[in-house]
C-alpha atoms as a PDB file:
ATOM      1  CA  MET A   1     134.264 130.639 183.792  1.00  0.00           C
ATOM      2  CA  SER A   2     132.795 128.980 186.867  1.00  0.00           C
ATOM      3  CA  GLY A   3     130.716 130.858 189.403  1.00  0.00           C
ATOM      4  CA  VAL A   4     133.049 130.745 192.428  1.00  0.00           C
ATOM      5  CA  THR A   5     132.947 134.083 194.282  1.00  0.00           C
ATOM      6  CA  GLU A   6     134.882 133.314 197.487  1.00  0.00           C
ATOM      7  CA  ILE A   7     138.128 131.545 198.279  1.00  0.00           C
ATOM      8  CA  SER A   8     137.507 128.256 200.092  1.00  0.00           C
ATOM      9  CA  PRO A   9     139.801 127.088 202.919  1.00  0.00           C
ATOM     10  CA  VAL A  10     139.363 123.455 201.831  1.00  0.00           C
ATOM     11  CA  GLY A  11     142.173 122.106 199.670  1.00  0.00           C
ATOM     12  CA  ASP A  12     141.545 120.065 196.543  1.00  0.00           C
ATOM     13  CA  ASP A  13     143.007 116.871 198.038  1.00  0.00           C
ATOM     14  CA  VAL A  14     140.600 116.702 200.991  1.00  0.00           C
ATOM     15  CA  ARG A  15     138.103 113.828 200.714  1.00  0.00           C
ATOM     16  CA  LEU A  16     134.418 114.647 200.964  1.00  0.00           C
ATOM     17  CA  GLY A  17     134.011 111.835 203.462  1.00  0.00           C
ATOM     18  CA  ASP A  18     136.424 113.648 205.763  1.00  0.00           C
ATOM     19  CA  LEU A  19     134.476 116.898 205.509  1.00  0.00           C
ATOM     20  CA  GLY A  20     130.865 115.920 206.088  1.00  0.00           C
ATOM     21  CA  GLU A  21     127.804 117.522 204.557  1.00  0.00           C
ATOM     22  CA  HIS A  22     127.850 120.671 206.697  1.00  0.00           C
ATOM     23  CA  ALA A  23     131.449 121.514 205.814  1.00  0.00           C
ATOM     24  CA  ILE A  24     130.824 120.707 202.136  1.00  0.00           C
ATOM     25  CA  LEU A  25     127.893 123.096 202.172  1.00  0.00           C
ATOM     26  CA  LYS A  26     129.854 125.767 203.993  1.00  0.00           C
ATOM     27  CA  HIS A  27     133.225 125.581 202.286  1.00  0.00           C
ATOM     28  CA  ILE A  28     132.491 124.332 198.729  1.00  0.00           C
ATOM     29  CA  LEU A  29     128.878 124.998 197.811  1.00  0.00           C
ATOM     30  CA  ARG A  30     128.217 128.275 199.641  1.00  0.00           C
ATOM     31  CA  PRO A  31     131.244 130.077 198.142  1.00  0.00           C
ATOM     32  CA  ARG A  32     129.952 129.065 194.716  1.00  0.00           C
ATOM     33  CA  TYR A  33     126.174 129.370 195.018  1.00  0.00           C
ATOM     34  CA  GLY A  34     125.616 131.463 198.154  1.00  0.00           C
ATOM     35  CA  GLY A  35     124.442 134.413 196.093  1.00  0.00           C
ATOM     36  CA  VAL A  36     121.669 132.412 194.442  1.00  0.00           C
ATOM     37  CA  ARG A  37     118.275 133.404 195.847  1.00  0.00           C
ATOM     38  CA  GLY A  38     116.921 130.550 197.960  1.00  0.00           C
ATOM     39  CA  PHE A  39     120.321 128.913 198.489  1.00  0.00           C
ATOM     40  CA  GLY A  40     120.014 126.334 201.269  1.00  0.00           C
ATOM     41  CA  ASP A  41     116.239 125.946 200.914  1.00  0.00           C
ATOM     42  CA  ASP A  42     114.588 122.737 199.742  1.00  0.00           C
ATOM     43  CA  CYS A  43     112.962 124.373 196.713  1.00  0.00           C
ATOM     44  CA  ALA A  44     114.704 126.401 194.029  1.00  0.00           C
ATOM     45  CA  VAL A  45     113.484 129.914 193.278  1.00  0.00           C
ATOM     46  CA  LEU A  46     113.339 130.668 189.574  1.00  0.00           C
ATOM     47  CA  ASP A  47     113.599 134.121 188.091  1.00  0.00           C
ATOM     48  CA  ALA A  48     111.870 134.257 184.723  1.00  0.00           C
ATOM     49  CA  PRO A  49     113.381 136.602 182.127  1.00  0.00           C
ATOM     50  CA  GLU A  50     111.593 139.939 182.210  1.00  0.00           C
ATOM     51  CA  GLY A  51     108.548 140.037 179.958  1.00  0.00           C
ATOM     52  CA  LEU A  52     108.666 136.340 179.106  1.00  0.00           C
ATOM     53  CA  ARG A  53     105.308 134.613 179.550  1.00  0.00           C
ATOM     54  CA  GLY A  54     104.182 131.144 178.592  1.00  0.00           C
ATOM     55  CA  GLU A  55     104.397 127.544 179.699  1.00  0.00           C
ATOM     56  CA  LEU A  56     106.932 126.282 182.208  1.00  0.00           C
ATOM     57  CA  VAL A  57     108.537 123.007 181.147  1.00  0.00           C
ATOM     58  CA  ALA A  58     110.781 120.696 183.126  1.00  0.00           C
ATOM     59  CA  THR A  59     112.867 117.646 182.329  1.00  0.00           C
ATOM     60  CA  THR A  60     115.038 115.352 184.403  1.00  0.00           C
ATOM     61  CA  ASP A  61     117.827 113.044 183.326  1.00  0.00           C
ATOM     62  CA  SER A  62     120.799 111.225 184.772  1.00  0.00           C
ATOM     63  CA  CYS A  63     124.314 111.204 183.361  1.00  0.00           C
ATOM     64  CA  PRO A  64     125.892 107.854 182.507  1.00  0.00           C
ATOM     65  CA  THR A  65     129.612 107.264 182.259  1.00  0.00           C
ATOM     66  CA  PRO A  66     130.656 109.607 179.442  1.00  0.00           C
ATOM     67  CA  LEU A  67     132.237 107.916 176.437  1.00  0.00           C
ATOM     68  CA  VAL A  68     135.085 110.418 176.681  1.00  0.00           C
ATOM     69  CA  THR A  69     135.984 108.892 180.064  1.00  0.00           C
ATOM     70  CA  ILE A  70     136.622 105.600 178.297  1.00  0.00           C
ATOM     71  CA  LEU A  71     138.674 107.560 175.772  1.00  0.00           C
ATOM     72  CA  GLY A  72     141.007 108.675 178.553  1.00  0.00           C
ATOM     73  CA  GLU A  73     139.339 111.985 179.484  1.00  0.00           C
ATOM     74  CA  THR A  74     138.927 111.271 183.198  1.00  0.00           C
ATOM     75  CA  ASP A  75     138.515 114.874 184.406  1.00  0.00           C
ATOM     76  CA  PRO A  76     135.140 115.052 186.265  1.00  0.00           C
ATOM     77  CA  TYR A  77     134.578 118.343 184.441  1.00  0.00           C
ATOM     78  CA  HIS A  78     133.427 116.418 181.378  1.00  0.00           C
ATOM     79  CA  ALA A  79     130.774 114.489 183.331  1.00  0.00           C
ATOM     80  CA  GLY A  80     129.481 117.760 184.769  1.00  0.00           C
ATOM     81  CA  TRP A  81     129.326 119.363 181.324  1.00  0.00           C
ATOM     82  CA  LEU A  82     127.524 116.343 179.894  1.00  0.00           C
ATOM     83  CA  LEU A  83     125.000 116.283 182.748  1.00  0.00           C
ATOM     84  CA  ALA A  84     123.991 119.850 181.933  1.00  0.00           C
ATOM     85  CA  THR A  85     123.916 119.223 178.180  1.00  0.00           C
ATOM     86  CA  ILE A  86     121.727 116.127 178.483  1.00  0.00           C
ATOM     87  CA  ASN A  87     119.066 118.062 180.357  1.00  0.00           C
ATOM     88  CA  LEU A  88     119.301 121.299 178.379  1.00  0.00           C
ATOM     89  CA  SER A  89     118.940 119.333 175.147  1.00  0.00           C
ATOM     90  CA  ASP A  90     115.439 118.281 176.178  1.00  0.00           C
ATOM     91  CA  LEU A  91     114.568 121.939 176.719  1.00  0.00           C
ATOM     92  CA  ALA A  92     115.960 122.668 173.256  1.00  0.00           C
ATOM     93  CA  ALA A  93     113.574 120.132 171.732  1.00  0.00           C
ATOM     94  CA  ALA A  94     110.688 121.936 173.436  1.00  0.00           C
ATOM     95  CA  GLY A  95     111.841 125.312 172.108  1.00  0.00           C
ATOM     96  CA  ALA A  96     112.258 126.530 175.679  1.00  0.00           C
ATOM     97  CA  THR A  97     114.431 129.185 177.259  1.00  0.00           C
ATOM     98  CA  PRO A  98     116.330 127.617 180.194  1.00  0.00           C
ATOM     99  CA  LEU A  99     115.548 129.134 183.588  1.00  0.00           C
ATOM    100  CA  GLY A 100     117.691 126.954 185.813  1.00  0.00           C
ATOM    101  CA  LEU A 101     119.107 123.567 186.726  1.00  0.00           C
ATOM    102  CA  VAL A 102     118.457 121.627 189.932  1.00  0.00           C
ATOM    103  CA  VAL A 103     121.189 119.039 190.440  1.00  0.00           C
ATOM    104  CA  ASN A 104     121.493 115.830 192.438  1.00  0.00           C
ATOM    105  CA  TYR A 105     124.894 114.297 193.183  1.00  0.00           C
ATOM    106  CA  THR A 106     125.580 110.971 194.861  1.00  0.00           C
ATOM    107  CA  LEU A 107     129.355 110.719 195.405  1.00  0.00           C
ATOM    108  CA  PRO A 108     131.657 108.241 197.114  1.00  0.00           C
ATOM    109  CA  LYS A 109     133.235 109.487 200.336  1.00  0.00           C
ATOM    110  CA  THR A 110     136.638 109.059 198.718  1.00  0.00           C
ATOM    111  CA  THR A 111     135.826 111.831 196.223  1.00  0.00           C
ATOM    112  CA  THR A 112     138.222 114.710 196.779  1.00  0.00           C
ATOM    113  CA  ALA A 113     137.187 118.335 197.049  1.00  0.00           C
ATOM    114  CA  GLY A 114     139.202 119.035 193.922  1.00  0.00           C
ATOM    115  CA  GLU A 115     137.338 116.364 191.968  1.00  0.00           C
ATOM    116  CA  PHE A 116     134.039 117.722 193.250  1.00  0.00           C
ATOM    117  CA  ARG A 117     134.966 121.248 192.213  1.00  0.00           C
ATOM    118  CA  ARG A 118     135.852 120.067 188.720  1.00  0.00           C
ATOM    119  CA  LEU A 119     132.456 118.362 188.460  1.00  0.00           C
ATOM    120  CA  LEU A 120     130.768 121.586 189.552  1.00  0.00           C
ATOM    121  CA  ASP A 121     132.875 123.607 187.113  1.00  0.00           C
ATOM    122  CA  GLY A 122     131.667 121.462 184.226  1.00  0.00           C
ATOM    123  CA  VAL A 123     128.006 121.903 185.137  1.00  0.00           C
ATOM    124  CA  ASP A 124     128.373 125.630 185.784  1.00  0.00           C
ATOM    125  CA  ASP A 125     130.375 126.393 182.645  1.00  0.00           C
ATOM    126  CA  CYS A 126     127.939 124.519 180.396  1.00  0.00           C
ATOM    127  CA  ALA A 127     124.956 126.199 182.032  1.00  0.00           C
ATOM    128  CA  LEU A 128     126.583 129.624 181.653  1.00  0.00           C
ATOM    129  CA  ALA A 129     127.292 128.958 177.977  1.00  0.00           C
ATOM    130  CA  GLN A 130     123.560 128.341 177.532  1.00  0.00           C
ATOM    131  CA  GLY A 131     122.511 131.432 179.475  1.00  0.00           C
ATOM    132  CA  THR A 132     121.368 129.703 182.652  1.00  0.00           C
ATOM    133  CA  LYS A 133     122.698 128.506 186.023  1.00  0.00           C
ATOM    134  CA  VAL A 134     122.352 125.996 188.835  1.00  0.00           C
ATOM    135  CA  VAL A 135     119.568 127.145 191.184  1.00  0.00           C
ATOM    136  CA  GLY A 136     119.437 124.296 193.700  1.00  0.00           C
ATOM    137  CA  GLY A 137     120.091 120.645 194.330  1.00  0.00           C
ATOM    138  CA  ASP A 138     120.935 117.813 196.690  1.00  0.00           C
ATOM    139  CA  LEU A 139     124.138 116.013 197.718  1.00  0.00           C
ATOM    140  CA  ARG A 140     124.555 112.635 199.350  1.00  0.00           C
ATOM    141  CA  ASP A 141     127.207 109.952 199.742  1.00  0.00           C
ATOM    142  CA  GLY A 142     127.026 106.519 198.175  1.00  0.00           C
ATOM    143  CA  PRO A 143     129.235 103.679 196.949  1.00  0.00           C
ATOM    144  CA  VAL A 144     129.286 104.875 193.315  1.00  0.00           C
ATOM    145  CA  ARG A 145     128.947 108.222 191.585  1.00  0.00           C
ATOM    146  CA  GLN A 146     125.445 108.983 190.347  1.00  0.00           C
ATOM    147  CA  LEU A 147     124.616 112.309 188.719  1.00  0.00           C
ATOM    148  CA  SER A 148     121.203 113.639 187.776  1.00  0.00           C
ATOM    149  CA  ALA A 149     119.604 117.005 187.166  1.00  0.00           C
ATOM    150  CA  THR A 150     116.288 118.672 186.452  1.00  0.00           C
ATOM    151  CA  ALA A 151     116.166 121.520 183.951  1.00  0.00           C
ATOM    152  CA  ILE A 152     113.344 124.057 183.996  1.00  0.00           C
ATOM    153  CA  GLY A 153     112.490 126.283 181.071  1.00  0.00           C
ATOM    154  CA  ARG A 154     109.783 128.530 179.749  1.00  0.00           C
ATOM    155  CA  CYS A 155     108.213 128.590 176.291  1.00  0.00           C
ATOM    156  CA  VAL A 156     106.732 131.618 174.572  1.00  0.00           C
ATOM    157  CA  PRO A 157     102.911 131.272 174.607  1.00  0.00           C
ATOM    158  CA  GLY A 158     101.720 128.891 171.928  1.00  0.00           C
ATOM    159  CA  SER A 159     105.215 127.911 170.784  1.00  0.00           C
ATOM    160  CA  ARG A 160     106.041 124.797 172.800  1.00  0.00           C
ATOM    161  CA  LEU A 161     107.278 121.934 170.647  1.00  0.00           C
ATOM    162  CA  GLY A 162     106.676 118.253 171.264  1.00  0.00           C
ATOM    163  CA  ARG A 163     106.963 115.026 169.330  1.00  0.00           C
ATOM    164  CA  THR A 164     103.510 115.333 167.768  1.00  0.00           C
ATOM    165  CA  GLY A 165     102.388 117.796 165.109  1.00  0.00           C
ATOM    166  CA  ALA A 166     104.114 116.443 161.993  1.00  0.00           C
ATOM    167  CA  GLU A 167     102.223 115.450 158.857  1.00  0.00           C
ATOM    168  CA  ALA A 168     102.995 113.337 155.792  1.00  0.00           C
ATOM    169  CA  GLY A 169     105.027 115.424 153.385  1.00  0.00           C
ATOM    170  CA  ASP A 170     106.806 117.390 156.101  1.00  0.00           C
ATOM    171  CA  ARG A 171     110.570 117.405 155.858  1.00  0.00           C
ATOM    172  CA  LEU A 172     112.970 116.262 158.549  1.00  0.00           C
ATOM    173  CA  LEU A 173     115.781 118.673 159.375  1.00  0.00           C
ATOM    174  CA  LEU A 174     118.874 117.594 161.278  1.00  0.00           C
ATOM    175  CA  VAL A 175     119.989 120.609 163.323  1.00  0.00           C
ATOM    176  CA  GLY A 176     123.584 120.720 164.503  1.00  0.00           C
ATOM    177  CA  SER A 177     126.796 118.996 163.420  1.00  0.00           C
ATOM    178  CA  PRO A 178     126.877 115.222 163.950  1.00  0.00           C
ATOM    179  CA  GLY A 179     129.795 112.835 164.131  1.00  0.00           C
ATOM    180  CA  TYR A 180     132.249 114.478 166.512  1.00  0.00           C
ATOM    181  CA  LEU A 181     132.012 112.145 169.509  1.00  0.00           C
ATOM    182  CA  TRP A 182     132.605 108.918 167.639  1.00  0.00           C
ATOM    183  CA  ALA A 183     135.129 110.558 165.324  1.00  0.00           C
ATOM    184  CA  TYR A 184     137.134 111.219 168.481  1.00  0.00           C
ATOM    185  CA  ALA A 185     136.760 107.565 169.471  1.00  0.00           C
ATOM    186  CA  LEU A 186     138.170 106.531 166.097  1.00  0.00           C
ATOM    187  CA  LEU A 187     141.101 108.908 166.547  1.00  0.00           C
ATOM    188  CA  VAL A 188     141.848 107.506 170.008  1.00  0.00           C
ATOM    189  CA  GLU A 189     141.665 103.996 168.569  1.00  0.00           C
ATOM    190  CA  GLU A 190     144.149 105.150 165.886  1.00  0.00           C
ATOM    191  CA  GLN A 191     141.876 104.213 163.016  1.00  0.00           C
ATOM    192  CA  ALA A 192     142.462 107.692 161.618  1.00  0.00           C
ATOM    193  CA  ARG A 193     144.984 110.494 162.025  1.00  0.00           C
ATOM    194  CA  LEU A 194     144.529 114.241 161.671  1.00  0.00           C
ATOM    195  CA  PRO A 195     146.748 117.296 162.054  1.00  0.00           C
ATOM    196  CA  GLU A 196     146.990 118.353 165.687  1.00  0.00           C
ATOM    197  CA  SER A 197     144.727 121.387 165.287  1.00  0.00           C
ATOM    198  CA  LEU A 198     141.907 119.367 163.710  1.00  0.00           C
ATOM    199  CA  ALA A 199     142.262 116.551 166.239  1.00  0.00           C
ATOM    200  CA  ALA A 200     142.041 119.143 169.025  1.00  0.00           C
ATOM    201  CA  GLU A 201     138.852 120.566 167.488  1.00  0.00           C
ATOM    202  CA  ILE A 202     137.238 117.122 167.421  1.00  0.00           C
ATOM    203  CA  ARG A 203     138.315 116.464 171.003  1.00  0.00           C
ATOM    204  CA  GLU A 204     136.848 119.780 172.161  1.00  0.00           C
ATOM    205  CA  ARG A 205     133.508 119.103 170.464  1.00  0.00           C
ATOM    206  CA  ALA A 206     133.414 115.560 171.866  1.00  0.00           C
ATOM    207  CA  CYS A 207     134.195 116.653 175.429  1.00  0.00           C
ATOM    208  CA  ARG A 208     131.937 119.719 175.423  1.00  0.00           C
ATOM    209  CA  PRO A 209     128.855 118.994 173.295  1.00  0.00           C
ATOM    210  CA  MET A 210     126.346 121.835 173.121  1.00  0.00           C
ATOM    211  CA  ALA A 211     122.581 121.380 173.269  1.00  0.00           C
ATOM    212  CA  GLN A 212     120.796 123.175 170.422  1.00  0.00           C
ATOM    213  CA  VAL A 213     118.955 125.558 172.742  1.00  0.00           C
ATOM    214  CA  THR A 214     119.161 128.606 170.472  1.00  0.00           C
ATOM    215  CA  ALA A 215     118.037 126.652 167.421  1.00  0.00           C
ATOM    216  CA  GLY A 216     115.090 125.061 169.184  1.00  0.00           C
ATOM    217  CA  ARG A 217     113.893 128.394 170.539  1.00  0.00           C
ATOM    218  CA  MET A 218     114.220 130.115 167.167  1.00  0.00           C
ATOM    219  CA  LEU A 219     112.368 127.398 165.271  1.00  0.00           C
ATOM    220  CA  ALA A 220     109.630 127.303 167.895  1.00  0.00           C
ATOM    221  CA  THR A 221     109.036 131.044 168.247  1.00  0.00           C
ATOM    222  CA  THR A 222     109.002 131.617 164.480  1.00  0.00           C
ATOM    223  CA  GLY A 223     106.531 128.784 163.959  1.00  0.00           C
ATOM    224  CA  LEU A 224     108.863 127.068 161.493  1.00  0.00           C
ATOM    225  CA  ALA A 225     108.973 123.797 163.440  1.00  0.00           C
ATOM    226  CA  ARG A 226     105.950 121.523 163.814  1.00  0.00           C
ATOM    227  CA  ALA A 227     107.548 118.822 165.986  1.00  0.00           C
ATOM    228  CA  ALA A 228     111.003 118.148 167.390  1.00  0.00           C
ATOM    229  CA  MET A 229     113.089 115.683 169.366  1.00  0.00           C
ATOM    230  CA  ASP A 230     116.715 115.674 170.406  1.00  0.00           C
ATOM    231  CA  VAL A 231     119.062 112.938 169.241  1.00  0.00           C
ATOM    232  CA  SER A 232     120.030 111.397 172.553  1.00  0.00           C
ATOM    233  CA  ASP A 233     119.996 107.693 171.672  1.00  0.00           C
ATOM    234  CA  GLY A 234     120.866 107.800 167.960  1.00  0.00           C
ATOM    235  CA  LEU A 235     119.259 109.079 164.782  1.00  0.00           C
ATOM    236  CA  PHE A 236     117.250 105.937 164.109  1.00  0.00           C
ATOM    237  CA  PRO A 237     115.362 105.784 167.448  1.00  0.00           C
ATOM    238  CA  THR A 238     114.726 109.535 167.180  1.00  0.00           C
ATOM    239  CA  VAL A 239     113.118 109.221 163.755  1.00  0.00           C
ATOM    240  CA  ARG A 240     111.282 106.085 164.874  1.00  0.00           C
ATOM    241  CA  SER A 241     109.853 107.889 167.911  1.00  0.00           C
ATOM    242  CA  LEU A 242     108.696 110.870 165.850  1.00  0.00           C
ATOM    243  CA  CYS A 243     107.081 108.534 163.353  1.00  0.00           C
ATOM    244  CA  GLY A 244     105.351 106.583 166.094  1.00  0.00           C
ATOM    245  CA  ALA A 245     104.063 109.709 167.811  1.00  0.00           C
ATOM    246  CA  ASN A 246     102.509 110.969 164.564  1.00  0.00           C
ATOM    247  CA  GLY A 247     101.415 107.691 162.963  1.00  0.00           C
ATOM    248  CA  LEU A 248     103.803 108.260 160.069  1.00  0.00           C
ATOM    249  CA  GLY A 249     106.655 106.611 158.238  1.00  0.00           C
ATOM    250  CA  ALA A 250     109.773 108.271 156.882  1.00  0.00           C
ATOM    251  CA  ARG A 251     112.154 108.056 153.971  1.00  0.00           C
ATOM    252  CA  ILE A 252     115.671 108.999 155.073  1.00  0.00           C
ATOM    253  CA  THR A 253     118.646 109.899 152.898  1.00  0.00           C
ATOM    254  CA  THR A 254     122.045 108.343 153.572  1.00  0.00           C
ATOM    255  CA  ASP A 255     123.703 111.394 152.013  1.00  0.00           C
ATOM    256  CA  ILE A 256     124.202 113.287 155.274  1.00  0.00           C
ATOM    257  CA  ARG A 257     126.888 115.938 155.368  1.00  0.00           C
ATOM    258  CA  LEU A 258     129.577 116.019 158.029  1.00  0.00           C
ATOM    259  CA  ASP A 259     132.011 118.793 158.817  1.00  0.00           C
ATOM    260  CA  ASP A 260     135.369 118.358 157.117  1.00  0.00           C
ATOM    261  CA  ALA A 261     137.277 116.946 160.095  1.00  0.00           C
ATOM    262  CA  PRO A 262     134.865 114.100 161.011  1.00  0.00           C
ATOM    263  CA  ALA A 263     134.333 113.428 157.287  1.00  0.00           C
ATOM    264  CA  ASP A 264     138.097 112.913 156.965  1.00  0.00           C
ATOM    265  CA  VAL A 265     138.015 110.501 159.903  1.00  0.00           C
ATOM    266  CA  CYS A 266     135.240 108.570 158.153  1.00  0.00           C
ATOM    267  CA  ALA A 267     137.206 108.287 154.944  1.00  0.00           C
ATOM    268  CA  GLN A 268     140.331 107.038 156.730  1.00  0.00           C
ATOM    269  CA  SER A 269     138.347 104.548 158.823  1.00  0.00           C
ATOM    270  CA  GLY A 270     136.500 103.019 155.891  1.00  0.00           C
ATOM    271  CA  LEU A 271     133.137 104.257 157.135  1.00  0.00           C
ATOM    272  CA  GLY A 272     130.364 105.963 155.247  1.00  0.00           C
ATOM    273  CA  ARG A 273     129.336 109.382 156.563  1.00  0.00           C
ATOM    274  CA  PHE A 274     125.864 108.061 157.363  1.00  0.00           C
ATOM    275  CA  GLU A 275     127.322 105.453 159.707  1.00  0.00           C
ATOM    276  CA  LEU A 276     128.932 108.182 161.790  1.00  0.00           C
ATOM    277  CA  ALA A 277     126.024 110.623 161.488  1.00  0.00           C
ATOM    278  CA  GLN A 278     123.449 108.168 162.804  1.00  0.00           C
ATOM    279  CA  ALA A 279     125.379 107.556 166.023  1.00  0.00           C
ATOM    280  CA  TRP A 280     124.586 109.318 169.287  1.00  0.00           C
ATOM    281  CA  GLY A 281     126.453 111.764 171.476  1.00  0.00           C
ATOM    282  CA  ASP A 282     126.416 115.066 169.575  1.00  0.00           C
ATOM    283  CA  TRP A 283     123.065 116.336 170.895  1.00  0.00           C
ATOM    284  CA  THR A 284     121.575 117.430 167.607  1.00  0.00           C
ATOM    285  CA  LEU A 285     117.857 117.945 166.964  1.00  0.00           C
ATOM    286  CA  VAL A 286     115.513 116.379 164.431  1.00  0.00           C
ATOM    287  CA  VAL A 287     112.769 118.824 163.491  1.00  0.00           C
ATOM    288  CA  ALA A 288     109.652 118.470 161.334  1.00  0.00           C
ATOM    289  CA  VAL A 289     109.237 121.408 158.949  1.00  0.00           C
ATOM    290  CA  ARG A 290     106.707 122.125 156.190  1.00  0.00           C
ATOM    291  CA  PRO A 291     108.206 121.715 152.701  1.00  0.00           C
ATOM    292  CA  GLN A 292     107.746 125.413 151.946  1.00  0.00           C
ATOM    293  CA  ASP A 293     109.554 126.394 155.159  1.00  0.00           C
ATOM    294  CA  VAL A 294     112.717 124.329 154.738  1.00  0.00           C
ATOM    295  CA  GLU A 295     114.874 126.992 153.111  1.00  0.00           C
ATOM    296  CA  LEU A 296     113.702 129.706 155.487  1.00  0.00           C
ATOM    297  CA  ALA A 297     114.427 127.482 158.480  1.00  0.00           C
ATOM    298  CA  LYS A 298     117.937 126.737 157.236  1.00  0.00           C
ATOM    299  CA  LYS A 299     118.570 130.387 156.447  1.00  0.00           C
ATOM    300  CA  THR A 300     117.288 131.472 159.862  1.00  0.00           C
ATOM    301  CA  LEU A 301     119.605 129.047 161.633  1.00  0.00           C
ATOM    302  CA  ALA A 302     122.552 129.851 159.380  1.00  0.00           C
ATOM    303  CA  GLY A 303     122.239 133.461 160.505  1.00  0.00           C
ATOM    304  CA  GLU A 304     123.188 132.237 163.986  1.00  0.00           C
ATOM    305  CA  GLY A 305     125.964 130.000 162.691  1.00  0.00           C
ATOM    306  CA  ILE A 306     123.903 126.831 163.248  1.00  0.00           C
ATOM    307  CA  ALA A 307     124.145 123.998 160.741  1.00  0.00           C
ATOM    308  CA  ALA A 308     120.961 122.363 159.463  1.00  0.00           C
ATOM    309  CA  GLN A 309     120.310 119.945 156.621  1.00  0.00           C
ATOM    310  CA  GLU A 310     117.310 118.151 155.187  1.00  0.00           C
ATOM    311  CA  ILE A 311     117.603 114.416 155.795  1.00  0.00           C
ATOM    312  CA  GLY A 312     114.252 113.002 154.749  1.00  0.00           C
ATOM    313  CA  THR A 313     110.501 113.197 154.366  1.00  0.00           C
ATOM    314  CA  PHE A 314     107.612 111.979 156.482  1.00  0.00           C
ATOM    315  CA  VAL A 315     105.396 109.558 154.561  1.00  0.00           C
ATOM    316  CA  PRO A 316     102.157 107.710 155.390  1.00  0.00           C
ATOM    317  CA  GLY A 317     102.611 105.239 158.209  1.00  0.00           C
ATOM    318  CA  ALA A 318     101.921 102.226 156.011  1.00  0.00           C
ATOM    319  CA  GLU A 319     105.138 102.920 154.105  1.00  0.00           C
ATOM    320  CA  GLY A 320     107.291 102.366 157.167  1.00  0.00           C
ATOM    321  CA  ILE A 321     110.761 103.796 157.744  1.00  0.00           C
ATOM    322  CA  SER A 322     113.168 103.294 154.862  1.00  0.00           C
ATOM    323  CA  LEU A 323     116.378 104.627 153.405  1.00  0.00           C
ATOM    324  CA  ASP A 324     116.728 106.246 150.009  1.00  0.00           C
ATOM    325  CA  ASP A 325     117.499 102.885 148.400  1.00  0.00           C
ATOM    326  CA  GLY A 326     114.041 101.668 149.424  1.00  0.00           C
ATOM    327  CA  GLU A 327     115.321  99.201 152.007  1.00  0.00           C
ATOM    328  CA  PRO A 328     113.838  99.273 155.525  1.00  0.00           C
ATOM    329  CA  TRP A 329     116.033 101.164 157.979  1.00  0.00           C
ATOM    330  CA  GLU A 330     117.107  99.069 160.940  1.00  0.00           C
ATOM    331  CA  GLY A 331     119.520 101.510 162.510  1.00  0.00           C
ATOM    332  CA  ILE A 332     121.482 101.510 165.720  1.00  0.00           C
ATOM    333  CA  ALA A 333     119.862 102.559 168.982  1.00  0.00           C
ATOM    334  CA  GLN A 334     121.133 103.143 172.491  1.00  0.00           C
ATOM    335  CA  GLU A 335     117.947 101.709 173.956  1.00  0.00           C
ATOM    336  CA  ARG A 336     117.589 101.433 177.724  1.00  0.00           C
ATOM    337  CA  PHE A 337     116.806  98.047 179.284  1.00  0.00           C
ATOM    338  CA  SER A 338     118.077  96.314 176.145  1.00  0.00           C
ATOM    339  CA  PRO A 339     121.414  94.789 175.089  1.00  0.00           C
ATOM    340  CA  SER A 340     122.331  98.147 173.491  1.00  0.00           C
ATOM    341  CA  SER A 341     121.735 100.170 176.675  1.00  0.00           C
ATOM    342  CA  TRP A 342     124.838 102.254 177.396  1.00  0.00           C
ATOM    343  CA  HIS A 343     126.929 101.011 180.274  1.00  0.00           C
ATOM    344  CA  GLY A 344     130.391 101.649 178.872  1.00  0.00           C
ATOM    345  CA  GLY A 345     132.688  98.816 177.914  1.00  0.00           C
ATOM    346  CA  GLU A 346     135.827  98.089 175.922  1.00  0.00           C
ATOM    347  CA  LEU A 347     136.481 100.726 173.274  1.00  0.00           C
ATOM    348  CA  ARG A 348     137.088  98.526 170.256  1.00  0.00           C
ATOM    349  CA  GLN A 349     133.918  96.541 170.910  1.00  0.00           C
ATOM    350  CA  LEU A 350     131.930  99.739 171.441  1.00  0.00           C
ATOM    351  CA  ILE A 351     133.089 101.090 168.094  1.00  0.00           C
ATOM    352  CA  THR A 352     132.067  97.843 166.455  1.00  0.00           C
ATOM    353  CA  ASP A 353     128.657  97.828 168.142  1.00  0.00           C
ATOM    354  CA  VAL A 354     127.846 101.471 167.412  1.00  0.00           C
ATOM    355  CA  LEU A 355     129.478 102.097 164.041  1.00  0.00           C
ATOM    356  CA  GLY A 356     129.463  98.636 162.467  1.00  0.00           C
ATOM    357  CA  ARG A 357     131.956  95.866 161.986  1.00  0.00           C
ATOM    358  CA  ARG A 358     133.969  97.757 159.401  1.00  0.00           C
ATOM    359  CA  ALA A 359     135.088 100.084 162.158  1.00  0.00           C
ATOM    360  CA  GLY A 360     136.113  97.237 164.423  1.00  0.00           C
END
């Protein structure tokens, strides 16, 4: 549920450009966030959970055009949800407890109040699902929609995770369930068909991805994780970054498990499970764990209903990054300022670029 506490006199069809900033603040934002301490000030006031000490961490990220928009899901709610998830996922990789989100929206004047509310609903509902809330932000008009946020969190003393800390011999755990976003793309493209209930499950997971905040915090506070990074640009660049940060190589298995529904989509589309699992958009984590801690880590996460699987081993840097057949891994990457940087596009070509020609 969203955090609206008062009824606004502004109808959903009113354009923001016809309201002006003062009226937007008064009639849309204040009814929603007026009870937040410091509302209207330039700086957010954060309330740390009682008894929680440690390091404050912060991250900031913008939200690109969500793939689900290209798939026909044009409700601004999904962009709001994704904006929160993108930022909270970085906190998850640090093992942090979220304290709040500070948001920044640039919106065209033709944006309606109803569209704006749906955007806010998406951010608020995702934040609430992760035990946090919006604590401040900024709003301005511009020719195109631009969304960004800053997430602040706190780590238990001595538990903060980063990209460094792994050693040769450590195992790589993939935390979370991959494959849902691009499985939905394949369903929309009619390269696979599922019963309505399963298709609806894939759609829900694609439209409302969840950052692995609970998993990151548990692995950090128990000392089971040595390093971590969220999978925001694809599995390959995540593993590559962890290897680079630690001066290591890695040997990765292609035998990655998917949940039954996306695995069925793979089979119908002529794709291997690894091809779907290495794509981006599901906001999983890759975590370095000592060999002797692998089973305990998986058991600990399973107790919270969180999937985790071992996908490889860190090796000396001279051995490079390879797959289990010994061949070097040259995987896909959504790399900024490169030809693969995400800017949307035509669906069939995107599927080909991200999942391989067999899916095209």
